[in-house]
Amino acid sequence: MKDKFSFTAAEKKEMTKAIQTYFQYERDEVLGDLAASLLLDFILHKIGPAIYNKGVADAHEFLKEKLEDVFELHK
């Protein structure tokens, strides 16, 4: 099965920089590129699927409600 998350190198770099910024300002820690990249990989592979699945479920429920509204109009 293909990974659910596919990001360009530029997107990964931006996310890595966001992690580094968070650690710098919220925890007063300097996180190097490798450490931030490894943390990003962990988040994407271990936590990301749960977030992704929740987003898919929320989108499904939203569309279901909207389609019910449309079907109600056609009655």
N, C-alpha and C. Protein backbone atom coordinates (compact mmCIF):
# COMPACT_ATOMS: atom_id res chain seq x y z
N MET A 1 0.83 -1.18 0.00
CA MET A 1 0.00 0.00 0.00
C MET A 1 0.88 1.25 0.00
N LYS A 2 0.53 2.19 -0.84
CA LYS A 2 1.30 3.43 -0.95
C LYS A 2 1.08 4.30 0.28
N ASP A 3 2.12 5.01 0.68
CA ASP A 3 1.98 5.95 1.79
C ASP A 3 0.87 6.93 1.49
N LYS A 4 0.12 7.30 2.51
CA LYS A 4 -0.97 8.26 2.33
C LYS A 4 -0.44 9.68 2.16
N PHE A 5 0.78 9.90 2.61
CA PHE A 5 1.34 11.24 2.57
C PHE A 5 2.48 11.31 1.57
N SER A 6 2.33 12.20 0.63
CA SER A 6 3.37 12.40 -0.37
C SER A 6 3.62 13.90 -0.47
N PHE A 7 4.80 14.31 -0.06
CA PHE A 7 5.13 15.72 -0.06
C PHE A 7 6.38 15.96 -0.88
N THR A 8 6.45 17.12 -1.48
CA THR A 8 7.64 17.50 -2.22
C THR A 8 8.75 17.82 -1.22
N ALA A 9 9.97 17.89 -1.73
CA ALA A 9 11.11 18.24 -0.88
C ALA A 9 10.91 19.63 -0.27
N ALA A 10 10.36 20.55 -1.06
CA ALA A 10 10.12 21.91 -0.56
C ALA A 10 9.08 21.91 0.56
N GLU A 11 8.04 21.11 0.42
CA GLU A 11 7.02 21.03 1.47
C GLU A 11 7.59 20.44 2.75
N LYS A 12 8.41 19.39 2.60
CA LYS A 12 9.03 18.78 3.78
C LYS A 12 9.98 19.76 4.46
N LYS A 13 10.71 20.52 3.66
CA LYS A 13 11.63 21.51 4.22
C LYS A 13 10.85 22.57 5.00
N GLU A 14 9.72 23.01 4.46
CA GLU A 14 8.89 24.00 5.14
C GLU A 14 8.34 23.45 6.46
N MET A 15 7.90 22.19 6.46
CA MET A 15 7.39 21.58 7.68
C MET A 15 8.51 21.39 8.71
N THR A 16 9.69 21.01 8.23
CA THR A 16 10.84 20.85 9.12
C THR A 16 11.19 22.18 9.77
N LYS A 17 11.18 23.25 8.99
CA LYS A 17 11.47 24.58 9.54
C LYS A 17 10.41 24.98 10.56
N ALA A 18 9.15 24.62 10.32
CA ALA A 18 8.08 24.93 11.28
C ALA A 18 8.32 24.21 12.61
N ILE A 19 8.77 22.97 12.53
CA ILE A 19 9.09 22.21 13.75
C ILE A 19 10.24 22.88 14.49
N GLN A 20 11.27 23.29 13.75
CA GLN A 20 12.41 23.95 14.38
C GLN A 20 11.99 25.26 15.04
N THR A 21 11.13 26.01 14.36
CA THR A 21 10.64 27.28 14.92
C THR A 21 9.84 27.03 16.19
N TYR A 22 8.99 26.01 16.16
CA TYR A 22 8.21 25.67 17.35
C TYR A 22 9.13 25.36 18.53
N PHE A 23 10.11 24.50 18.31
CA PHE A 23 11.01 24.12 19.39
C PHE A 23 11.81 25.33 19.89
N GLN A 24 12.19 26.22 18.98
CA GLN A 24 12.96 27.39 19.37
C GLN A 24 12.14 28.32 20.27
N TYR A 25 10.91 28.62 19.86
CA TYR A 25 10.13 29.62 20.58
C TYR A 25 9.29 29.07 21.72
N GLU A 26 8.85 27.84 21.61
CA GLU A 26 7.99 27.27 22.65
C GLU A 26 8.77 26.48 23.70
N ARG A 27 9.89 25.91 23.30
CA ARG A 27 10.64 25.08 24.24
C ARG A 27 12.05 25.60 24.50
N ASP A 28 12.41 26.68 23.80
CA ASP A 28 13.73 27.28 23.92
C ASP A 28 14.83 26.25 23.66
N GLU A 29 14.59 25.43 22.65
CA GLU A 29 15.55 24.40 22.23
C GLU A 29 15.88 24.59 20.76
N VAL A 30 17.13 24.38 20.43
CA VAL A 30 17.54 24.43 19.04
C VAL A 30 17.53 23.01 18.50
N LEU A 31 16.74 22.79 17.48
CA LEU A 31 16.62 21.48 16.87
C LEU A 31 17.29 21.54 15.50
N GLY A 32 18.25 20.67 15.27
CA GLY A 32 18.93 20.64 13.98
C GLY A 32 18.05 20.10 12.88
N ASP A 33 18.55 20.22 11.65
CA ASP A 33 17.79 19.75 10.49
C ASP A 33 17.48 18.26 10.58
N LEU A 34 18.46 17.46 10.97
CA LEU A 34 18.24 16.01 11.04
C LEU A 34 17.20 15.66 12.10
N ALA A 35 17.33 16.23 13.28
CA ALA A 35 16.38 15.94 14.36
C ALA A 35 14.96 16.36 13.97
N ALA A 36 14.83 17.53 13.37
CA ALA A 36 13.51 18.01 12.95
C ALA A 36 12.93 17.13 11.85
N SER A 37 13.79 16.70 10.94
CA SER A 37 13.35 15.82 9.85
C SER A 37 12.90 14.46 10.39
N LEU A 38 13.63 13.93 11.36
CA LEU A 38 13.24 12.65 11.97
C LEU A 38 11.94 12.78 12.74
N LEU A 39 11.75 13.91 13.42
CA LEU A 39 10.49 14.14 14.13
C LEU A 39 9.34 14.25 13.14
N LEU A 40 9.56 14.94 12.05
CA LEU A 40 8.53 15.04 11.01
C LEU A 40 8.17 13.66 10.47
N ASP A 41 9.17 12.84 10.18
CA ASP A 41 8.91 11.47 9.70
C ASP A 41 8.08 10.69 10.71
N PHE A 42 8.42 10.81 11.99
CA PHE A 42 7.65 10.13 13.04
C PHE A 42 6.20 10.59 13.03
N ILE A 43 6.01 11.89 13.00
CA ILE A 43 4.65 12.44 13.01
C ILE A 43 3.87 11.95 11.79
N LEU A 44 4.48 12.01 10.62
CA LEU A 44 3.79 11.59 9.40
C LEU A 44 3.43 10.12 9.41
N HIS A 45 4.31 9.27 9.92
CA HIS A 45 4.09 7.83 9.85
C HIS A 45 3.30 7.27 11.03
N LYS A 46 3.43 7.86 12.20
CA LYS A 46 2.77 7.31 13.39
C LYS A 46 1.50 8.06 13.77
N ILE A 47 1.49 9.36 13.60
CA ILE A 47 0.35 10.17 14.01
C ILE A 47 -0.47 10.61 12.81
N GLY A 48 0.20 10.85 11.71
CA GLY A 48 -0.46 11.34 10.50
C GLY A 48 -1.64 10.52 10.03
N PRO A 49 -1.54 9.18 10.00
CA PRO A 49 -2.68 8.40 9.52
C PRO A 49 -3.96 8.63 10.32
N ALA A 50 -3.86 8.80 11.63
CA ALA A 50 -5.05 9.06 12.44
C ALA A 50 -5.66 10.41 12.08
N ILE A 51 -4.82 11.40 11.86
CA ILE A 51 -5.29 12.73 11.48
C ILE A 51 -5.92 12.66 10.08
N TYR A 52 -5.26 11.98 9.18
CA TYR A 52 -5.76 11.81 7.81
C TYR A 52 -7.12 11.12 7.83
N ASN A 53 -7.22 10.02 8.56
CA ASN A 53 -8.48 9.27 8.61
C ASN A 53 -9.60 10.10 9.22
N LYS A 54 -9.29 10.91 10.22
CA LYS A 54 -10.30 11.79 10.81
C LYS A 54 -10.77 12.82 9.79
N GLY A 55 -9.86 13.36 9.02
CA GLY A 55 -10.22 14.31 7.98
C GLY A 55 -11.10 13.69 6.92
N VAL A 56 -10.76 12.47 6.51
CA VAL A 56 -11.58 11.76 5.52
C VAL A 56 -12.97 11.49 6.09
N ALA A 57 -13.04 11.04 7.34
CA ALA A 57 -14.34 10.76 7.96
C ALA A 57 -15.18 12.03 8.08
N ASP A 58 -14.54 13.14 8.46
CA ASP A 58 -15.26 14.41 8.57
C ASP A 58 -15.77 14.86 7.21
N ALA A 59 -14.95 14.73 6.17
CA ALA A 59 -15.36 15.10 4.82
C ALA A 59 -16.52 14.21 4.35
N HIS A 60 -16.44 12.93 4.65
CA HIS A 60 -17.50 11.99 4.28
C HIS A 60 -18.82 12.39 4.94
N GLU A 61 -18.77 12.69 6.23
CA GLU A 61 -19.97 13.08 6.96
C GLU A 61 -20.54 14.39 6.42
N PHE A 62 -19.68 15.34 6.11
CA PHE A 62 -20.11 16.62 5.55
C PHE A 62 -20.82 16.41 4.22
N LEU A 63 -20.19 15.63 3.33
CA LEU A 63 -20.79 15.37 2.02
C LEU A 63 -22.10 14.60 2.14
N LYS A 64 -22.14 13.66 3.06
CA LYS A 64 -23.36 12.89 3.29
C LYS A 64 -24.50 13.82 3.70
N GLU A 65 -24.23 14.74 4.61
CA GLU A 65 -25.26 15.69 5.05
C GLU A 65 -25.71 16.58 3.90
N LYS A 66 -24.76 17.04 3.09
CA LYS A 66 -25.12 17.91 1.96
C LYS A 66 -25.94 17.15 0.92
N LEU A 67 -25.58 15.89 0.66
CA LEU A 67 -26.35 15.09 -0.29
C LEU A 67 -27.74 14.80 0.23
N GLU A 68 -27.87 14.59 1.53
CA GLU A 68 -29.20 14.40 2.11
C GLU A 68 -30.05 15.65 1.90
N ASP A 69 -29.44 16.83 2.03
CA ASP A 69 -30.16 18.08 1.77
C ASP A 69 -30.62 18.15 0.32
N VAL A 70 -29.74 17.77 -0.60
CA VAL A 70 -30.08 17.79 -2.03
C VAL A 70 -31.21 16.81 -2.32
N PHE A 71 -31.12 15.60 -1.79
CA PHE A 71 -32.16 14.61 -2.01
C PHE A 71 -33.49 15.06 -1.42
N GLU A 72 -33.45 15.76 -0.30
CA GLU A 72 -34.66 16.27 0.34
C GLU A 72 -35.33 17.31 -0.56
N LEU A 73 -34.54 18.11 -1.25
CA LEU A 73 -35.09 19.12 -2.16
C LEU A 73 -35.80 18.48 -3.35
N HIS A 74 -35.38 17.31 -3.75
CA HIS A 74 -35.95 16.63 -4.92
C HIS A 74 -37.19 15.82 -4.59
N LYS A 75 -37.58 15.76 -3.34
CA LYS A 75 -38.78 15.00 -2.97
C LYS A 75 -40.03 15.73 -3.35
